[in-house]
């Protein structure tokens, strides 16, 4: 028997790390625009030091769900909504927006949706909130008048986007974020993009991890018992 308890411990830690990620995916099955994560091990890093456990985000398209709310928007295909936060412009696929007290479109955290000309106001010529119509290419009309075009962000390497909570992503400083060409934009009004988590698949993976963890636990106990007996025998010599 190879009495490498360190290897056994690392395997258990990997399983716990993966379990936490899968549990978070399952907790966000109903979160609009949520993108699932998956775990992997950087074997080169782990060979040098303990802790080569990482995750990556899958940006596959979620199901498009009709709501018929004119302020619910979904992006079909590439691109991200841009919202202004206290720490700068960040990106999201969650297209559920409302109107704040000043007449600007905002998400549930109070971050204003950005157009080509900045935050988007939906106050009409009468001084009241007007009827909002958004075309497939992102042009936004209020009471029939063109107000702005949504600033749909194009990010060249989405694998490097960093999750920062509340369904937002941050782009590293060395990534050049541009605006998606209008011909490539596909906005669906009155529709939301659901989470891309597949509950059955996540549950199967979670069960496999739990079984692996339990098997590793049994190996650790067996190794501990053998080492304990060996220690007892050495005391009699």
C-alpha atoms as a PDB file:
ATOM      1  CA  UNK A   1       0.000   0.000   0.000  1.00  0.00           C
ATOM      2  CA  UNK A   2       1.297   3.470  -0.903  1.00  0.00           C
ATOM      3  CA  UNK A   3       1.043   5.420   2.360  1.00  0.00           C
ATOM      4  CA  UNK A   4       0.814   8.824   0.699  1.00  0.00           C
ATOM      5  CA  UNK A   5      -1.673  10.559   2.964  1.00  0.00           C
ATOM      6  CA  UNK A   6      -0.870  13.879   1.303  1.00  0.00           C
ATOM      7  CA  UNK A   7      -2.135  12.598  -2.037  1.00  0.00           C
ATOM      8  CA  UNK A   8      -5.302  11.279  -0.394  1.00  0.00           C
ATOM      9  CA  UNK A   9      -5.880  14.611   1.358  1.00  0.00           C
ATOM     10  CA  UNK A  10      -5.442  16.533  -1.902  1.00  0.00           C
ATOM     11  CA  UNK A  11      -7.981  14.301  -3.617  1.00  0.00           C
ATOM     12  CA  UNK A  12     -10.492  14.977  -0.834  1.00  0.00           C
ATOM     13  CA  UNK A  13      -9.820  18.731  -1.086  1.00  0.00           C
ATOM     14  CA  UNK A  14     -10.389  18.631  -4.858  1.00  0.00           C
ATOM     15  CA  UNK A  15     -13.705  16.876  -4.289  1.00  0.00           C
ATOM     16  CA  UNK A  16     -14.795  19.461  -1.729  1.00  0.00           C
ATOM     17  CA  UNK A  17     -13.807  22.300  -4.073  1.00  0.00           C
ATOM     18  CA  UNK A  18     -15.792  20.761  -6.925  1.00  0.00           C
ATOM     19  CA  UNK A  19     -18.763  20.119  -4.640  1.00  0.00           C
ATOM     20  CA  UNK A  20     -18.883  23.794  -3.602  1.00  0.00           C
ATOM     21  CA  UNK A  21     -18.917  24.891  -7.254  1.00  0.00           C
ATOM     22  CA  UNK A  22     -21.659  22.442  -8.248  1.00  0.00           C
ATOM     23  CA  UNK A  23     -23.744  23.437  -5.222  1.00  0.00           C
ATOM     24  CA  UNK A  24     -23.458  27.094  -6.242  1.00  0.00           C
ATOM     25  CA  UNK A  25     -24.538  26.200  -9.789  1.00  0.00           C
ATOM     26  CA  UNK A  26     -27.610  24.396  -8.464  1.00  0.00           C
ATOM     27  CA  UNK A  27     -28.435  27.327  -6.184  1.00  0.00           C
ATOM     28  CA  UNK A  28     -28.558  29.573  -9.274  1.00  0.00           C
ATOM     29  CA  UNK A  29     -30.727  27.417 -11.531  1.00  0.00           C
ATOM     30  CA  UNK A  30     -33.375  30.140 -11.462  1.00  0.00           C
ATOM     31  CA  UNK A  31     -31.017  33.144 -11.655  1.00  0.00           C
ATOM     32  CA  UNK A  32     -31.509  35.166 -14.828  1.00  0.00           C
ATOM     33  CA  UNK A  33     -28.436  35.165 -17.064  1.00  0.00           C
ATOM     34  CA  UNK A  34     -26.350  33.049 -14.656  1.00  0.00           C
ATOM     35  CA  UNK A  35     -23.372  31.247 -16.192  1.00  0.00           C
ATOM     36  CA  UNK A  36     -22.333  27.971 -14.590  1.00  0.00           C
ATOM     37  CA  UNK A  37     -18.848  27.203 -13.345  1.00  0.00           C
ATOM     38  CA  UNK A  38     -16.864  23.994 -13.491  1.00  0.00           C
ATOM     39  CA  UNK A  39     -13.778  22.879 -11.580  1.00  0.00           C
ATOM     40  CA  UNK A  40     -10.492  21.556 -12.869  1.00  0.00           C
ATOM     41  CA  UNK A  41      -7.038  20.835 -11.502  1.00  0.00           C
ATOM     42  CA  UNK A  42      -3.926  22.545 -12.791  1.00  0.00           C
ATOM     43  CA  UNK A  43      -1.690  19.496 -12.515  1.00  0.00           C
ATOM     44  CA  UNK A  44       1.486  21.475 -13.180  1.00  0.00           C
ATOM     45  CA  UNK A  45       0.751  23.844 -10.288  1.00  0.00           C
ATOM     46  CA  UNK A  46      -0.203  20.966  -8.006  1.00  0.00           C
ATOM     47  CA  UNK A  47       3.022  19.151  -8.849  1.00  0.00           C
ATOM     48  CA  UNK A  48       4.971  22.179  -7.611  1.00  0.00           C
ATOM     49  CA  UNK A  49       2.799  23.046  -4.629  1.00  0.00           C
ATOM     50  CA  UNK A  50      -0.530  22.097  -3.139  1.00  0.00           C
ATOM     51  CA  UNK A  51      -3.670  23.860  -4.295  1.00  0.00           C
ATOM     52  CA  UNK A  52      -3.824  23.748  -8.097  1.00  0.00           C
ATOM     53  CA  UNK A  53      -7.627  23.840  -7.995  1.00  0.00           C
ATOM     54  CA  UNK A  54      -9.313  26.296 -10.334  1.00  0.00           C
ATOM     55  CA  UNK A  55     -12.641  26.944 -11.987  1.00  0.00           C
ATOM     56  CA  UNK A  56     -13.815  28.241 -15.331  1.00  0.00           C
ATOM     57  CA  UNK A  57     -17.102  29.720 -16.471  1.00  0.00           C
ATOM     58  CA  UNK A  58     -19.209  28.281 -19.263  1.00  0.00           C
ATOM     59  CA  UNK A  59     -20.746  31.065 -21.358  1.00  0.00           C
ATOM     60  CA  UNK A  60     -23.091  28.822 -23.324  1.00  0.00           C
ATOM     61  CA  UNK A  61     -26.478  30.318 -24.156  1.00  0.00           C
ATOM     62  CA  UNK A  62     -29.237  29.933 -21.585  1.00  0.00           C
ATOM     63  CA  UNK A  63     -32.861  29.294 -22.468  1.00  0.00           C
ATOM     64  CA  UNK A  64     -34.759  32.335 -23.766  1.00  0.00           C
ATOM     65  CA  UNK A  65     -37.892  32.819 -21.633  1.00  0.00           C
ATOM     66  CA  UNK A  66     -40.724  35.081 -22.759  1.00  0.00           C
ATOM     67  CA  UNK A  67     -42.040  37.520 -20.144  1.00  0.00           C
ATOM     68  CA  UNK A  68     -43.703  40.169 -22.384  1.00  0.00           C
ATOM     69  CA  UNK A  69     -42.264  42.847 -20.061  1.00  0.00           C
ATOM     70  CA  UNK A  70     -40.881  45.549 -22.408  1.00  0.00           C
ATOM     71  CA  UNK A  71     -37.979  46.232 -20.017  1.00  0.00           C
ATOM     72  CA  UNK A  72     -36.870  42.594 -20.006  1.00  0.00           C
ATOM     73  CA  UNK A  73     -34.118  42.058 -22.555  1.00  0.00           C
ATOM     74  CA  UNK A  74     -32.118  39.035 -23.685  1.00  0.00           C
ATOM     75  CA  UNK A  75     -29.038  38.787 -25.849  1.00  0.00           C
ATOM     76  CA  UNK A  76     -29.152  35.937 -28.325  1.00  0.00           C
ATOM     77  CA  UNK A  77     -25.589  35.026 -29.199  1.00  0.00           C
ATOM     78  CA  UNK A  78     -22.527  37.066 -28.298  1.00  0.00           C
ATOM     79  CA  UNK A  79     -22.219  40.210 -26.226  1.00  0.00           C
ATOM     80  CA  UNK A  80     -22.907  41.587 -22.751  1.00  0.00           C
ATOM     81  CA  UNK A  81     -25.000  44.389 -21.327  1.00  0.00           C
ATOM     82  CA  UNK A  82     -22.827  47.149 -19.861  1.00  0.00           C
ATOM     83  CA  UNK A  83     -23.838  48.666 -16.513  1.00  0.00           C
ATOM     84  CA  UNK A  84     -22.246  51.496 -14.546  1.00  0.00           C
ATOM     85  CA  UNK A  85     -21.237  50.628 -10.971  1.00  0.00           C
ATOM     86  CA  UNK A  86     -19.323  52.508  -8.272  1.00  0.00           C
ATOM     87  CA  UNK A  87     -16.158  50.712  -9.413  1.00  0.00           C
ATOM     88  CA  UNK A  88     -16.621  51.305 -13.127  1.00  0.00           C
ATOM     89  CA  UNK A  89     -18.423  49.663 -16.019  1.00  0.00           C
ATOM     90  CA  UNK A  90     -19.052  45.938 -15.621  1.00  0.00           C
ATOM     91  CA  UNK A  91     -20.862  43.376 -17.743  1.00  0.00           C
ATOM     92  CA  UNK A  92     -23.819  41.036 -17.384  1.00  0.00           C
ATOM     93  CA  UNK A  93     -26.160  38.770 -19.299  1.00  0.00           C
ATOM     94  CA  UNK A  94     -28.998  39.522 -16.880  1.00  0.00           C
ATOM     95  CA  UNK A  95     -31.365  41.704 -18.890  1.00  0.00           C
ATOM     96  CA  UNK A  96     -34.028  42.364 -16.253  1.00  0.00           C
ATOM     97  CA  UNK A  97     -34.262  46.150 -15.976  1.00  0.00           C
ATOM     98  CA  UNK A  98     -36.547  48.644 -14.281  1.00  0.00           C
ATOM     99  CA  UNK A  99     -36.827  52.446 -14.256  1.00  0.00           C
ATOM    100  CA  UNK A 100     -35.277  54.367 -11.355  1.00  0.00           C
ATOM    101  CA  UNK A 101     -36.664  57.540  -9.781  1.00  0.00           C
ATOM    102  CA  UNK A 102     -34.830  59.688 -12.316  1.00  0.00           C
ATOM    103  CA  UNK A 103     -36.164  57.815 -15.323  1.00  0.00           C
ATOM    104  CA  UNK A 104     -33.048  55.780 -16.139  1.00  0.00           C
ATOM    105  CA  UNK A 105     -32.962  52.048 -16.833  1.00  0.00           C
ATOM    106  CA  UNK A 106     -31.250  50.107 -14.049  1.00  0.00           C
ATOM    107  CA  UNK A 107     -30.758  46.513 -12.927  1.00  0.00           C
ATOM    108  CA  UNK A 108     -31.893  45.071  -9.593  1.00  0.00           C
ATOM    109  CA  UNK A 109     -28.734  46.366  -7.858  1.00  0.00           C
ATOM    110  CA  UNK A 110     -29.326  49.936  -9.037  1.00  0.00           C
ATOM    111  CA  UNK A 111     -26.636  49.888 -11.750  1.00  0.00           C
ATOM    112  CA  UNK A 112     -27.661  51.911 -14.773  1.00  0.00           C
ATOM    113  CA  UNK A 113     -27.761  50.308 -18.199  1.00  0.00           C
ATOM    114  CA  UNK A 114     -25.363  51.963 -20.630  1.00  0.00           C
ATOM    115  CA  UNK A 115     -26.087  53.124 -24.141  1.00  0.00           C
ATOM    116  CA  UNK A 116     -23.701  54.609 -26.676  1.00  0.00           C
ATOM    117  CA  UNK A 117     -24.308  58.013 -25.057  1.00  0.00           C
ATOM    118  CA  UNK A 118     -24.175  56.847 -21.430  1.00  0.00           C
ATOM    119  CA  UNK A 119     -27.025  55.963 -19.035  1.00  0.00           C
ATOM    120  CA  UNK A 120     -30.342  55.522 -20.838  1.00  0.00           C
ATOM    121  CA  UNK A 121     -33.300  57.709 -19.904  1.00  0.00           C
ATOM    122  CA  UNK A 122     -36.793  56.583 -20.885  1.00  0.00           C
ATOM    123  CA  UNK A 123     -38.508  59.871 -20.086  1.00  0.00           C
ATOM    124  CA  UNK A 124     -40.619  60.886 -23.062  1.00  0.00           C
ATOM    125  CA  UNK A 125     -41.356  64.325 -24.502  1.00  0.00           C
ATOM    126  CA  UNK A 126     -44.282  64.700 -22.075  1.00  0.00           C
ATOM    127  CA  UNK A 127     -41.936  64.450 -19.094  1.00  0.00           C
ATOM    128  CA  UNK A 128     -43.246  61.047 -18.093  1.00  0.00           C
ATOM    129  CA  UNK A 129     -41.930  57.538 -18.611  1.00  0.00           C
ATOM    130  CA  UNK A 130     -42.697  56.680 -22.200  1.00  0.00           C
ATOM    131  CA  UNK A 131     -43.379  53.509 -24.147  1.00  0.00           C
ATOM    132  CA  UNK A 132     -40.102  51.708 -24.730  1.00  0.00           C
ATOM    133  CA  UNK A 133     -39.339  49.807 -27.910  1.00  0.00           C
ATOM    134  CA  UNK A 134     -35.988  48.147 -28.569  1.00  0.00           C
ATOM    135  CA  UNK A 135     -35.040  46.738 -31.952  1.00  0.00           C
ATOM    136  CA  UNK A 136     -33.075  43.550 -32.588  1.00  0.00           C
ATOM    137  CA  UNK A 137     -29.968  45.663 -33.271  1.00  0.00           C
ATOM    138  CA  UNK A 138     -30.262  47.518 -29.958  1.00  0.00           C
ATOM    139  CA  UNK A 139     -31.827  50.811 -31.022  1.00  0.00           C
ATOM    140  CA  UNK A 140     -34.000  52.163 -28.204  1.00  0.00           C
ATOM    141  CA  UNK A 141     -37.094  54.233 -28.930  1.00  0.00           C
ATOM    142  CA  UNK A 142     -39.214  56.113 -26.389  1.00  0.00           C
ATOM    143  CA  UNK A 143     -42.690  57.071 -27.601  1.00  0.00           C
ATOM    144  CA  UNK A 144     -41.498  56.380 -31.130  1.00  0.00           C
ATOM    145  CA  UNK A 145     -38.427  58.631 -30.910  1.00  0.00           C
ATOM    146  CA  UNK A 146     -34.912  57.199 -31.210  1.00  0.00           C
ATOM    147  CA  UNK A 147     -33.134  57.879 -27.898  1.00  0.00           C
ATOM    148  CA  UNK A 148     -29.979  55.775 -27.980  1.00  0.00           C
ATOM    149  CA  UNK A 149     -28.510  52.417 -28.929  1.00  0.00           C
ATOM    150  CA  UNK A 150     -27.603  49.845 -26.300  1.00  0.00           C
ATOM    151  CA  UNK A 151     -23.854  49.570 -25.749  1.00  0.00           C
ATOM    152  CA  UNK A 152     -23.491  45.808 -26.154  1.00  0.00           C
ATOM    153  CA  UNK A 153     -19.954  44.902 -25.141  1.00  0.00           C
ATOM    154  CA  UNK A 154     -17.738  42.679 -27.252  1.00  0.00           C
ATOM    155  CA  UNK A 155     -15.028  40.961 -25.194  1.00  0.00           C
ATOM    156  CA  UNK A 156     -12.317  39.157 -27.207  1.00  0.00           C
ATOM    157  CA  UNK A 157     -11.423  36.530 -24.589  1.00  0.00           C
ATOM    158  CA  UNK A 158     -14.453  35.880 -22.395  1.00  0.00           C
ATOM    159  CA  UNK A 159     -12.561  33.112 -20.579  1.00  0.00           C
ATOM    160  CA  UNK A 160     -10.642  35.836 -18.751  1.00  0.00           C
ATOM    161  CA  UNK A 161     -13.728  37.592 -17.420  1.00  0.00           C
ATOM    162  CA  UNK A 162     -13.852  37.598 -13.621  1.00  0.00           C
ATOM    163  CA  UNK A 163     -17.050  36.969 -11.693  1.00  0.00           C
ATOM    164  CA  UNK A 164     -17.538  39.675  -9.058  1.00  0.00           C
ATOM    165  CA  UNK A 165     -20.949  38.707  -7.641  1.00  0.00           C
ATOM    166  CA  UNK A 166     -24.535  39.846  -8.303  1.00  0.00           C
ATOM    167  CA  UNK A 167     -24.288  38.295 -11.773  1.00  0.00           C
ATOM    168  CA  UNK A 168     -21.623  40.774 -12.911  1.00  0.00           C
ATOM    169  CA  UNK A 169     -18.320  40.254 -14.686  1.00  0.00           C
ATOM    170  CA  UNK A 170     -15.213  42.417 -14.724  1.00  0.00           C
ATOM    171  CA  UNK A 171     -12.762  42.548 -17.616  1.00  0.00           C
ATOM    172  CA  UNK A 172      -9.030  42.622 -16.737  1.00  0.00           C
ATOM    173  CA  UNK A 173      -7.334  45.938 -17.483  1.00  0.00           C
ATOM    174  CA  UNK A 174      -5.306  44.478 -20.342  1.00  0.00           C
ATOM    175  CA  UNK A 175      -8.393  43.374 -22.288  1.00  0.00           C
ATOM    176  CA  UNK A 176      -9.696  45.848 -24.855  1.00  0.00           C
ATOM    177  CA  UNK A 177     -13.487  45.913 -24.572  1.00  0.00           C
ATOM    178  CA  UNK A 178     -15.240  47.240 -27.661  1.00  0.00           C
ATOM    179  CA  UNK A 179     -18.816  47.642 -28.754  1.00  0.00           C
ATOM    180  CA  UNK A 180     -20.332  44.796 -30.706  1.00  0.00           C
ATOM    181  CA  UNK A 181     -21.066  45.706 -34.299  1.00  0.00           C
ATOM    182  CA  UNK A 182     -24.808  46.462 -34.683  1.00  0.00           C
ATOM    183  CA  UNK A 183     -25.093  43.840 -37.425  1.00  0.00           C
ATOM    184  CA  UNK A 184     -23.913  41.208 -34.922  1.00  0.00           C
ATOM    185  CA  UNK A 185     -26.275  42.308 -32.119  1.00  0.00           C
ATOM    186  CA  UNK A 186     -29.437  40.283 -31.519  1.00  0.00           C
ATOM    187  CA  UNK A 187     -31.577  41.764 -28.744  1.00  0.00           C
ATOM    188  CA  UNK A 188     -34.893  40.170 -27.804  1.00  0.00           C
ATOM    189  CA  UNK A 189     -37.354  42.484 -26.052  1.00  0.00           C
ATOM    190  CA  UNK A 190     -39.871  41.001 -23.608  1.00  0.00           C
ATOM    191  CA  UNK A 191     -37.621  37.966 -23.111  1.00  0.00           C
ATOM    192  CA  UNK A 192     -35.057  36.965 -20.489  1.00  0.00           C
ATOM    193  CA  UNK A 193     -32.126  34.583 -20.776  1.00  0.00           C
ATOM    194  CA  UNK A 194     -32.326  31.898 -18.132  1.00  0.00           C
ATOM    195  CA  UNK A 195     -29.441  30.208 -16.352  1.00  0.00           C
ATOM    196  CA  UNK A 196     -27.371  27.784 -18.437  1.00  0.00           C
ATOM    197  CA  UNK A 197     -27.264  25.313 -15.525  1.00  0.00           C
ATOM    198  CA  UNK A 198     -28.651  21.857 -16.368  1.00  0.00           C
ATOM    199  CA  UNK A 199     -29.949  20.566 -12.992  1.00  0.00           C
ATOM    200  CA  UNK A 200     -29.892  16.855 -13.849  1.00  0.00           C
ATOM    201  CA  UNK A 201     -26.322  17.009 -15.150  1.00  0.00           C
ATOM    202  CA  UNK A 202     -25.194  18.977 -12.090  1.00  0.00           C
ATOM    203  CA  UNK A 203     -26.853  16.480  -9.733  1.00  0.00           C
ATOM    204  CA  UNK A 204     -25.178  13.520 -11.449  1.00  0.00           C
ATOM    205  CA  UNK A 205     -21.783  15.226 -11.167  1.00  0.00           C
ATOM    206  CA  UNK A 206     -22.466  16.102  -7.528  1.00  0.00           C
ATOM    207  CA  UNK A 207     -23.320  12.490  -6.678  1.00  0.00           C
ATOM    208  CA  UNK A 208     -20.150  11.268  -8.402  1.00  0.00           C
ATOM    209  CA  UNK A 209     -18.029  13.718  -6.405  1.00  0.00           C
ATOM    210  CA  UNK A 210     -19.668  12.706  -3.142  1.00  0.00           C
ATOM    211  CA  UNK A 211     -19.078   9.018  -3.868  1.00  0.00           C
ATOM    212  CA  UNK A 212     -15.462   9.732  -4.750  1.00  0.00           C
ATOM    213  CA  UNK A 213     -15.041  11.682  -1.521  1.00  0.00           C
ATOM    214  CA  UNK A 214     -16.533   8.841   0.530  1.00  0.00           C
ATOM    215  CA  UNK A 215     -14.268   6.298  -1.189  1.00  0.00           C
ATOM    216  CA  UNK A 216     -11.235   8.439  -0.466  1.00  0.00           C
ATOM    217  CA  UNK A 217     -12.363   8.766   3.146  1.00  0.00           C
ATOM    218  CA  UNK A 218     -12.450   4.972   3.467  1.00  0.00           C
ATOM    219  CA  UNK A 219      -8.924   4.754   2.024  1.00  0.00           C
ATOM    220  CA  UNK A 220      -7.728   7.348   4.543  1.00  0.00           C
ATOM    221  CA  UNK A 221      -9.275   5.412   7.432  1.00  0.00           C
ATOM    222  CA  UNK A 222      -7.708   2.158   6.241  1.00  0.00           C
ATOM    223  CA  UNK A 223      -4.302   3.800   5.929  1.00  0.00           C
ATOM    224  CA  UNK A 224      -4.676   5.315   9.382  1.00  0.00           C
ATOM    225  CA  UNK A 225      -5.541   1.930  10.887  1.00  0.00           C
ATOM    226  CA  UNK A 226      -2.575   0.216   9.214  1.00  0.00           C
ATOM    227  CA  UNK A 227      -0.196   2.946  10.354  1.00  0.00           C
ATOM    228  CA  UNK A 228      -1.643   2.741  13.863  1.00  0.00           C
ATOM    229  CA  UNK A 229      -1.044  -1.011  14.034  1.00  0.00           C
ATOM    230  CA  UNK A 230       2.473  -0.579  12.693  1.00  0.00           C
ATOM    231  CA  UNK A 231       3.161   1.934  15.459  1.00  0.00           C
ATOM    232  CA  UNK A 232       1.834  -0.459  18.087  1.00  0.00           C
ATOM    233  CA  UNK A 233       4.033  -3.289  16.785  1.00  0.00           C
ATOM    234  CA  UNK A 234       7.107  -1.086  16.861  1.00  0.00           C
ATOM    235  CA  UNK A 235       6.413  -0.347  20.535  1.00  0.00           C
ATOM    236  CA  UNK A 236       6.777  -4.053  21.362  1.00  0.00           C
ATOM    237  CA  UNK A 237      10.230  -4.321  19.841  1.00  0.00           C
END
